[in-house]
Amino acid sequence: MLKIWGRVNSVNVKKALWAIEELGLPYERVDAGMNFGVVNTPEYRRMNPMGQVPTIDDDGFVLWESHAIVRYLAAKYGDGTLWPKDL
């Protein structure tokens, strides 16, 4: 299952969540960043050395940076919806 770290009041996290919701993907969200902390833990920094949100783990494939996440999700899951079938 797709897992995303980030707080819902982050504009960058909202972009990734929008794509996830539009694609109808099941996911788990973990509060991270600002008041929630998490981003400076060794575990999180192993996934995302920049220590920012959002970060996703898609069955072992880890990616951070909201625009990269949206493009990845659209390319992998959005064929014909968020991603054109004919480029």
Protein backbone atom coordinates (compact mmCIF):
# COMPACT_ATOMS: atom_id res chain seq x y z
CA MET A 1 0.00 0.00 0.00
CA LEU A 2 1.14 3.52 -0.76
CA LYS A 3 2.36 5.42 2.27
CA ILE A 4 2.85 9.20 2.39
CA TRP A 5 4.54 11.27 5.07
CA GLY A 6 3.43 14.87 5.55
CA ARG A 7 0.99 17.19 7.23
CA VAL A 8 -2.28 18.07 5.51
CA ASN A 9 -1.70 21.82 5.86
CA SER A 10 1.39 21.69 3.64
CA VAL A 11 0.78 22.91 0.09
CA ASN A 12 3.30 20.42 -1.24
CA VAL A 13 1.68 17.51 0.57
CA LYS A 14 -1.73 18.65 -0.70
CA LYS A 15 -0.47 18.30 -4.30
CA ALA A 16 0.53 14.70 -3.73
CA LEU A 17 -2.68 13.91 -1.84
CA TRP A 18 -4.74 15.46 -4.64
CA ALA A 19 -3.11 13.12 -7.17
CA ILE A 20 -3.57 10.11 -4.89
CA GLU A 21 -7.25 10.91 -4.34
CA GLU A 22 -7.90 11.62 -8.05
CA LEU A 23 -6.39 8.25 -8.92
CA GLY A 24 -8.44 6.48 -6.25
CA LEU A 25 -5.39 4.87 -4.68
CA PRO A 26 -5.55 3.36 -1.22
CA TYR A 27 -2.96 4.99 1.02
CA GLU A 28 -1.80 5.57 4.55
CA ARG A 29 -0.73 9.05 5.62
CA VAL A 30 1.71 9.69 8.46
CA ASP A 31 1.82 13.11 10.10
CA ALA A 32 5.30 14.54 9.62
CA GLY A 33 6.92 17.96 9.54
CA MET A 34 6.72 21.13 11.64
CA ASN A 35 4.90 20.36 14.93
CA PHE A 36 4.80 16.63 14.20
CA GLY A 37 8.57 16.27 13.91
CA VAL A 38 9.57 12.94 12.32
CA VAL A 39 11.56 14.57 9.48
CA ASN A 40 14.77 14.78 11.53
CA THR A 41 14.72 11.17 12.69
CA PRO A 42 17.39 8.84 11.28
CA GLU A 43 14.66 6.60 9.81
CA TYR A 44 13.08 9.44 7.85
CA ARG A 45 16.43 10.86 6.75
CA ARG A 46 17.35 7.47 5.28
CA MET A 47 14.27 7.79 3.06
CA ASN A 48 14.60 11.52 2.40
CA PRO A 49 18.00 13.09 3.11
CA MET A 50 16.52 16.55 2.56
CA GLY A 51 14.25 16.10 5.58
CA GLN A 52 11.22 17.70 3.96
CA VAL A 53 7.67 16.57 3.19
CA PRO A 54 6.12 14.89 1.32
CA THR A 55 7.81 11.53 0.95
CA ILE A 56 6.10 8.44 -0.43
CA ASP A 57 6.84 4.75 -0.24
CA ASP A 58 5.11 2.82 -3.01
CA ASP A 59 5.78 -0.83 -2.19
CA GLY A 60 9.46 -0.16 -1.55
CA PHE A 61 9.97 2.62 -4.11
CA VAL A 62 10.70 5.79 -2.12
CA LEU A 63 10.38 9.25 -3.65
CA TRP A 64 10.27 12.80 -2.34
CA GLU A 65 9.56 16.26 -3.82
CA SER A 66 5.93 16.96 -4.56
CA HIS A 67 6.20 17.56 -8.31
CA ALA A 68 8.23 14.39 -8.81
CA ILE A 69 5.66 12.46 -6.75
CA VAL A 70 2.72 13.78 -8.80
CA ARG A 71 4.48 12.94 -12.08
CA TYR A 72 5.40 9.48 -10.83
CA LEU A 73 1.88 8.69 -9.64
CA ALA A 74 0.33 10.00 -12.86
CA ALA A 75 2.73 7.98 -15.02
CA LYS A 76 2.33 4.77 -13.01
CA TYR A 77 -1.37 4.84 -12.17
CA GLY A 78 -2.99 7.54 -14.31
CA ASP A 79 -2.82 6.18 -17.84
CA GLY A 80 -5.66 7.89 -19.68
CA THR A 81 -6.75 9.94 -16.66
CA LEU A 82 -4.00 12.13 -15.22
CA TRP A 83 -1.53 10.95 -17.85
CA PRO A 84 -2.33 10.84 -21.56
CA LYS A 85 -2.34 7.48 -23.31
CA ASP A 86 -0.90 9.08 -26.43
CA LEU A 87 1.98 11.39 -25.64
